[in-house]
Each structure stands twice: as structure tokens, then as C-alpha cells.
Protein backbone atom coordinates (compact mmCIF):
# COMPACT_ATOMS: atom_id res chain seq x y z
CA UNK A 1 65.69 36.22 224.60
CA UNK A 2 62.24 37.03 223.29
CA UNK A 3 62.10 41.06 223.73
CA UNK A 4 60.11 42.64 221.47
CA UNK A 5 57.12 41.46 219.90
CA UNK A 6 55.59 43.55 217.23
CA UNK A 7 51.58 42.64 216.52
CA UNK A 8 50.00 42.86 213.21
CA UNK A 9 46.98 43.98 212.85
CA UNK A 10 44.66 45.15 209.82
CA UNK A 11 41.05 46.16 208.45
CA UNK A 12 38.20 43.45 209.73
CA UNK A 13 40.88 42.39 212.83
CA UNK A 14 38.62 40.17 215.64
CA UNK A 15 38.99 41.80 219.06
CA UNK A 16 39.16 39.07 221.27
CA UNK A 17 42.19 37.30 219.64
CA UNK A 18 44.07 40.84 219.51
CA UNK A 19 43.44 41.33 223.07
CA UNK A 20 44.94 37.65 224.50
CA UNK A 21 48.19 38.95 222.52
CA UNK A 22 48.03 42.54 223.98
CA UNK A 23 47.12 40.46 227.25
CA UNK A 24 50.20 37.94 226.88
CA UNK A 25 52.71 40.10 225.77
CA UNK A 26 51.67 43.69 226.25
CA UNK A 27 51.05 43.71 229.78
CA UNK A 28 53.34 44.99 232.03
CA UNK A 29 53.83 42.50 234.83
CA UNK A 30 57.89 42.48 235.39
CA UNK A 31 56.78 43.55 239.26
CA UNK A 32 55.56 39.66 239.17
CA UNK A 33 58.73 38.46 238.18
CA UNK A 34 57.59 38.09 234.36
CA UNK A 35 60.60 39.89 232.15
CA UNK A 36 59.84 42.63 229.93
CA UNK A 37 58.63 42.82 227.11
CA UNK A 38 58.01 45.71 224.58
CA UNK A 39 55.14 45.09 222.90
CA UNK A 40 54.32 47.39 219.57
CA UNK A 41 50.92 47.45 217.72
CA UNK A 42 51.64 47.74 214.07
CA UNK A 43 50.01 48.43 210.42
CA UNK A 44 49.96 49.30 207.08
CA UNK A 45 49.03 53.32 208.11
CA UNK A 46 50.13 54.02 211.35
CA UNK A 47 47.76 57.13 213.25
CA UNK A 48 45.22 56.02 211.01
CA UNK A 49 41.62 53.62 212.26
CA UNK A 50 41.75 50.31 211.90
CA UNK A 51 38.75 49.01 211.58
CA UNK A 52 37.70 46.15 214.30
CA UNK A 53 35.24 43.29 212.32
CA UNK A 54 32.55 44.39 215.13
CA UNK A 55 31.84 47.93 214.14
CA UNK A 56 34.91 49.13 216.28
CA UNK A 57 38.20 50.77 215.95
CA UNK A 58 42.10 51.31 217.23
CA UNK A 59 45.01 53.26 215.91
CA UNK A 60 48.49 50.91 215.69
CA UNK A 61 51.22 53.62 216.35
CA UNK A 62 53.89 51.85 214.83
CA UNK A 63 54.03 50.59 211.06
CA UNK A 64 55.31 47.74 208.98
CA UNK A 65 58.69 48.93 209.48
CA UNK A 66 58.45 48.42 213.51
CA UNK A 67 58.64 44.26 212.15
CA UNK A 68 62.41 44.70 211.30
CA UNK A 69 63.99 44.04 214.97
CA UNK A 70 61.25 42.30 216.77
CA UNK A 71 61.59 38.85 218.17
CA UNK A 72 58.33 37.82 217.64
CA UNK A 73 55.54 38.90 214.87
CA UNK A 74 52.31 37.98 216.06
CA UNK A 75 49.40 38.26 213.42
CA UNK A 76 45.98 38.67 214.42
CA UNK A 77 42.86 37.39 213.66
CA UNK A 78 41.53 39.05 210.73
CA UNK A 79 38.13 38.51 208.73
CA UNK A 80 38.49 36.46 205.27
CA UNK A 81 39.18 37.75 202.17
CA UNK A 82 40.72 36.86 198.93
CA UNK A 83 43.77 38.87 199.03
CA UNK A 84 45.60 41.14 201.97
CA UNK A 85 47.85 43.73 201.39
CA UNK A 86 51.43 43.16 199.49
CA UNK A 87 53.83 45.25 201.70
CA UNK A 88 52.04 43.44 204.97
CA UNK A 89 52.93 40.08 203.57
CA UNK A 90 56.23 41.36 201.83
CA UNK A 91 57.55 42.81 205.64
CA UNK A 92 56.67 39.43 206.84
CA UNK A 93 58.45 37.46 204.54
CA UNK A 94 61.73 40.20 205.59
CA UNK A 95 60.79 39.28 208.61
CA UNK A 96 60.72 35.35 208.50
CA UNK A 97 63.94 35.24 206.42
CA UNK A 98 65.81 37.65 209.03
CA UNK A 99 64.58 34.91 211.50
CA UNK A 100 62.29 36.37 213.41
CA UNK A 101 59.22 34.29 214.65
CA UNK A 102 56.06 34.17 213.71
CA UNK A 103 52.90 33.77 215.47
CA UNK A 104 49.10 33.71 214.37
CA UNK A 105 46.19 33.26 215.73
CA UNK A 106 42.91 31.63 214.31
CA UNK A 107 42.84 32.91 211.01
CA UNK A 108 45.67 34.94 210.68
CA UNK A 109 47.19 31.99 208.96
CA UNK A 110 45.26 32.87 206.15
CA UNK A 111 47.86 35.79 206.11
CA UNK A 112 51.06 33.54 206.67
CA UNK A 113 49.53 31.41 204.15
CA UNK A 114 49.46 34.19 201.13
CA UNK A 115 52.97 35.43 202.03
CA UNK A 116 53.22 32.09 200.75
CA UNK A 117 55.71 30.62 204.82
CA UNK A 118 53.37 27.59 204.87
CA UNK A 119 54.24 26.24 202.39
CA UNK A 120 55.34 22.26 203.36
CA UNK A 121 54.56 22.69 206.93
CA UNK A 122 52.29 22.09 209.49
CA UNK A 123 49.49 24.55 210.45
CA UNK A 124 46.02 24.93 212.01
CA UNK A 125 43.98 27.27 212.06
CA UNK A 126 39.89 27.27 213.08
CA UNK A 127 37.90 24.30 212.40
CA UNK A 128 35.33 26.05 210.81
CA UNK A 129 38.36 27.11 208.26
CA UNK A 130 40.64 24.32 208.44
CA UNK A 131 39.34 23.05 205.10
CA UNK A 132 39.33 26.23 203.29
CA UNK A 133 42.68 27.00 204.44
CA UNK A 134 43.67 23.66 202.99
CA UNK A 135 42.20 24.76 199.43
CA UNK A 136 44.07 27.85 199.25
CA UNK A 137 47.60 26.57 200.37
CA UNK A 138 47.13 23.17 199.04
CA UNK A 139 51.15 22.74 200.32
CA UNK A 140 50.22 23.58 203.69
CA UNK A 141 49.48 20.69 205.80
CA UNK A 142 46.65 21.87 207.37
CA UNK A 143 46.14 20.11 210.76
CA UNK A 144 42.04 20.55 212.12
CA UNK A 145 42.42 18.67 215.60
CA UNK A 146 45.37 20.24 217.22
CA UNK A 147 45.30 23.68 219.65
CA UNK A 148 48.43 24.87 218.14
CA UNK A 149 51.25 23.83 215.22
CA UNK A 150 54.78 25.05 216.71
CA UNK A 151 57.26 24.51 214.18
CA UNK A 152 59.80 26.42 215.68
CA UNK A 153 60.15 29.67 213.76
CA UNK A 154 56.17 29.68 212.75
CA UNK A 155 53.63 29.09 215.54
CA UNK A 156 50.17 29.23 214.61
CA UNK A 157 47.03 29.04 216.74
CA UNK A 158 43.19 27.17 216.46
CA UNK A 159 40.50 28.78 216.99
CA UNK A 160 40.02 31.71 219.57
CA UNK A 161 40.88 31.10 222.89
CA UNK A 162 43.07 28.91 221.41
CA UNK A 163 45.67 31.74 221.11
CA UNK A 164 46.23 31.78 224.18
CA UNK A 165 46.98 28.51 224.22
CA UNK A 166 49.38 29.54 221.84
CA UNK A 167 50.73 32.47 223.53
CA UNK A 168 51.13 30.77 226.67
CA UNK A 169 53.52 27.89 224.80
CA UNK A 170 55.84 30.96 223.49
CA UNK A 171 56.50 31.92 227.05
CA UNK A 172 56.79 28.96 227.73
CA UNK A 173 59.34 28.44 225.58
CA UNK A 174 61.07 31.16 225.95
CA UNK A 175 61.03 31.42 229.90
CA UNK A 176 59.97 28.23 231.25
CA UNK A 177 57.21 27.07 233.59
CA UNK A 178 57.28 29.67 236.34
CA UNK A 179 56.37 32.61 234.05
CA UNK A 180 54.40 30.81 232.10
CA UNK A 181 52.10 30.18 235.31
CA UNK A 182 52.56 33.68 236.98
CA UNK A 183 50.99 34.98 233.37
CA UNK A 184 48.29 32.44 233.43
CA UNK A 185 47.40 32.77 236.82
CA UNK A 186 46.92 36.49 236.43
CA UNK A 187 44.47 35.66 233.57
CA UNK A 188 42.92 32.72 235.04
CA UNK A 189 43.68 30.60 232.77
CA UNK A 190 45.49 26.60 232.17
CA UNK A 191 48.86 26.89 231.92
CA UNK A 192 48.66 24.23 229.21
CA UNK A 193 45.04 22.66 228.16
CA UNK A 194 45.59 18.86 227.33
CA UNK A 195 43.27 17.85 224.04
CA UNK A 196 43.04 19.51 220.88
CA UNK A 197 40.22 21.44 218.62
CA UNK A 198 38.08 18.48 218.21
CA UNK A 199 36.49 17.99 221.57
CA UNK A 200 35.20 21.82 220.90
CA UNK A 201 33.69 21.11 217.80
CA UNK A 202 31.86 18.06 219.75
CA UNK A 203 31.25 18.88 223.10
CA UNK A 204 29.04 22.18 223.16
CA UNK A 205 30.46 25.39 225.55
CA UNK A 206 28.95 24.75 228.69
CA UNK A 207 27.51 28.10 230.39
CA UNK A 208 28.61 29.86 233.50
CA UNK A 209 27.09 28.38 236.17
CA UNK A 210 27.50 28.92 239.83
CA UNK A 211 28.44 25.51 240.17
CA UNK A 212 31.52 25.58 237.94
CA UNK A 213 34.43 23.22 239.21
CA UNK A 214 36.71 25.72 238.72
CA UNK A 215 37.00 26.27 242.78
CA UNK A 216 37.44 22.39 242.76
CA UNK A 217 40.42 22.46 240.44
CA UNK A 218 42.01 25.14 242.27
CA UNK A 219 42.06 23.32 245.07
CA UNK A 220 43.55 20.20 243.40
CA UNK A 221 45.96 22.45 241.80
CA UNK A 222 47.55 23.17 245.29
CA UNK A 223 47.41 19.19 246.08
CA UNK A 224 48.88 17.62 243.11
CA UNK A 225 50.85 15.26 245.92
CA UNK A 226 48.02 13.72 247.24
CA UNK A 227 46.18 10.55 246.42
CA UNK A 228 42.60 11.45 245.10
CA UNK A 229 39.73 9.37 243.44
CA UNK A 230 36.63 10.07 241.30
CA UNK A 231 34.66 9.25 244.38
CA UNK A 232 36.28 11.87 247.09
CA UNK A 233 36.34 14.60 244.39
CA UNK A 234 32.82 14.32 243.38
CA UNK A 235 31.48 14.08 246.97
CA UNK A 236 33.76 17.62 247.51
CA UNK A 237 31.78 19.11 244.38
CA UNK A 238 28.58 17.95 246.86
CA UNK A 239 27.55 16.05 243.35
CA UNK A 240 27.00 12.15 242.34
CA UNK A 241 29.69 10.54 240.46
CA UNK A 242 28.10 10.22 237.34
CA UNK A 243 27.01 14.14 237.38
CA UNK A 244 30.77 14.67 238.31
CA UNK A 245 32.37 13.03 234.91
CA UNK A 246 29.86 14.33 233.07
CA UNK A 247 30.35 18.19 234.76
CA UNK A 248 34.18 17.44 234.55
CA UNK A 249 34.40 16.46 230.77
CA UNK A 250 32.41 19.43 229.97
CA UNK A 251 34.34 21.81 231.37
CA UNK A 252 37.73 20.50 231.03
CA UNK A 253 37.23 18.37 227.78
CA UNK A 254 38.54 15.40 229.62
CA UNK A 255 39.11 12.73 232.76
CA UNK A 256 39.54 13.57 235.65
CA UNK A 257 42.07 10.96 235.99
CA UNK A 258 43.80 12.49 232.71
CA UNK A 259 43.43 16.26 233.91
CA UNK A 260 45.16 15.38 237.43
CA UNK A 261 47.99 13.36 234.83
CA UNK A 262 48.70 17.06 232.98
CA UNK A 263 48.99 18.66 235.46
CA UNK A 264 50.82 16.59 237.37
CA UNK A 265 53.45 16.03 234.52
CA UNK A 266 53.33 20.77 234.60
CA UNK A 267 54.44 20.93 238.07
CA UNK A 268 56.98 17.87 237.51
CA UNK A 269 58.91 20.06 234.53
CA UNK A 270 58.85 23.39 236.81
CA UNK A 271 60.76 21.18 239.24
CA UNK A 272 63.04 20.26 237.11
CA UNK A 273 64.09 23.53 235.70
CA UNK A 274 64.22 25.48 238.52
CA UNK A 275 65.44 22.89 241.06
CA UNK A 276 67.79 20.27 241.26
CA UNK A 277 65.41 17.94 243.30
CA UNK A 278 65.99 13.93 241.88
CA UNK A 279 63.52 12.86 239.79
CA UNK A 280 62.97 10.53 242.51
CA UNK A 281 62.22 13.92 244.52
CA UNK A 282 60.10 15.27 241.46
CA UNK A 283 58.45 12.54 241.31
CA UNK A 284 57.27 12.72 244.91
CA UNK A 285 56.13 15.79 245.05
CA UNK A 286 54.07 16.00 241.39
CA UNK A 287 52.06 12.86 242.69
CA UNK A 288 53.80 10.70 240.93
CA UNK A 289 54.41 8.42 243.31
CA UNK A 290 57.78 6.73 241.58
CA UNK A 291 60.44 7.93 239.16
CA UNK A 292 59.88 5.17 236.68
CA UNK A 293 55.38 6.24 236.48
CA UNK A 294 56.73 10.17 236.07
CA UNK A 295 59.26 8.72 233.16
CA UNK A 296 56.13 6.96 231.99
CA UNK A 297 54.20 10.29 232.10
CA UNK A 298 55.98 12.48 231.07
CA UNK A 299 57.76 11.05 227.78
CA UNK A 300 54.48 10.62 226.61
CA UNK A 301 52.97 13.82 227.58
CA UNK A 302 56.22 15.96 227.25
CA UNK A 303 58.28 13.39 224.06
CA UNK A 304 61.37 13.38 226.19
CA UNK A 305 62.12 11.81 229.77
CA UNK A 306 62.85 13.86 232.45
CA UNK A 307 66.47 14.21 232.44
CA UNK A 308 66.81 14.73 229.07
CA UNK A 309 63.53 17.62 229.98
CA UNK A 310 66.06 19.36 232.59
CA UNK A 311 69.70 19.07 230.62
CA UNK A 312 68.13 21.10 228.09
CA UNK A 313 66.35 23.92 229.77
CA UNK A 314 66.90 23.79 233.38
CA UNK A 315 67.49 27.65 234.63
CA UNK A 316 71.33 27.79 234.96
């Protein structure tokens, strides 16, 4: 069980990526039913300023010895450099040998690589740095097209916001879909995004607009068990079907049909974890209609059939 998280920072750390770790693991949400997590900010020299890459500093309350009994050690993104602190690399190796799970956000993967922890493993980092990561650590199996890679005891994420996906994935793995949904709702982010980094390379980030589709997406999440058509959704959004399809792809990176399918799978997963509903009833409540259709889509997205998933992850 995930009880203690140690976030490692060093000179040149990226505030946003560090903030992701703080937001997911460091905020007390026990009033919302989220299990308590002890969050430690760790540096090589506790009590001394650690400079960020934007002209600001923070002071870590804990030293590297606080990694000793942590359940998860998370390495925040940091400005690329030729060498990383030897004491930190040794501390990461020792934590890994003890069975601690390691998580890197964005360029934090380079720190794990420098510690020799990515050899013969799949991993990822920001798409701009993926080639450099592969060059520096030729034994690492770098995948530049995914949001994160879960190797069990090591989780690496792609750039910036993909750290949110990786952190929520760890939460889902440890606590289940309901806790993940609670945290993601408070953060106002999707509990799971579809697709990989390639969509972000090819599509520019849409500007913030008053006519964002977020209200529509929230409305859909409350009505996943109902039938929806592109024409009906476009009408509700007060757009033509062509404009709606283009806007939907820009904001979600996918099509309305695929987005709905993914959200329905997430709903089915939550029902399988938390209820004793039959697979047929789960199919109805998640919007698939039939158990056969649920099995098809669930297995495609999750990798195992619904019954197998329930045997492994149902809350007992």
C-alpha cells in the first residue's frame, strides 16, 4: 500500500512537474475519502535553497535518508546536464534494491538512467528529449510515443502534463478507480487520457476559449449510459458537425466515439471494482448495452476481460 512518497528535487528542477507530484500525492484529501499519504520533499542538503529553472528556489525539509522507508520515490523534471549528484544516484539505487517503486516525471528519466536503472527496460520522457535519452543510455528501450510507461517497480512519464497521467496511474494502481476519480475531479483533469505523445507533436495546443468543450464533456460523463450521436452532440455544442469534430479532436486528441468508448471503459472498471453487479449490468450502466460489447472494448483498452479484472482488483 502506498503510504509514503518522497519527492526528490535538485538544482534546475522544473516547478510545474514538481507541482504535479505535490498536487497528486502531497495534498491532504482524507476528507474526500482519499487515504492519507505522507509526502516528503527531499534534497541532497536539507535546509539549503534549491534553485528552480525559472529563477526561484525552495528548501527541502528532508535529506536523502528520507528515501529509505518511502513506498514511492518520485524524481521531478530537471534541466538536462552531463552529470547528476553521485549521492542521489546511489540513494536511488539503494531504494530500488529495497523494493521501492520509482517514478520519474519528464526529464527525471535522465536521473534514473544515470543511476543505471533503465537498462533493458521500456521507458519514456518528453518527446523532445527522447532521442537524447536513447543516445545517452543505449540499453534503455525508449518509447517516444506514449504518455507513460509502467514497468512495475519503475514508472516513467512523458513531458509536463503527462506527469499527471503517470501519477494518477500510480494512484489507480494502488487505490483503485474511485480514489483516482476523486483526485482527478479535484484537479479538474481527466482520470485517464487516451493516446500518446504523438498527438501532441502533431497538434498545436488549443488556446483557451470561452467556447471550450469541457462543459459538454462533463455533461457526457454523467450520461455515459445513454445513446449519443455526433450530430446530437454538435447541436448541443451549437456547432456544425464538421466544426465540432475538429474542435473535439483539438481538445481531446481523439474522436467523440473513441472518447466515449474510453470513458465507458473507465466507468465499467470502477463498477467492477466497487460493486457486485453482474457483467451484464455493468455493461448496461456503463453504456455498452451488452456484455459481449463490453468484453470487446474492455479487453482492447485494459488488456484483460472484465471478469479477470474483477478477480484481481475488486475491493474486498
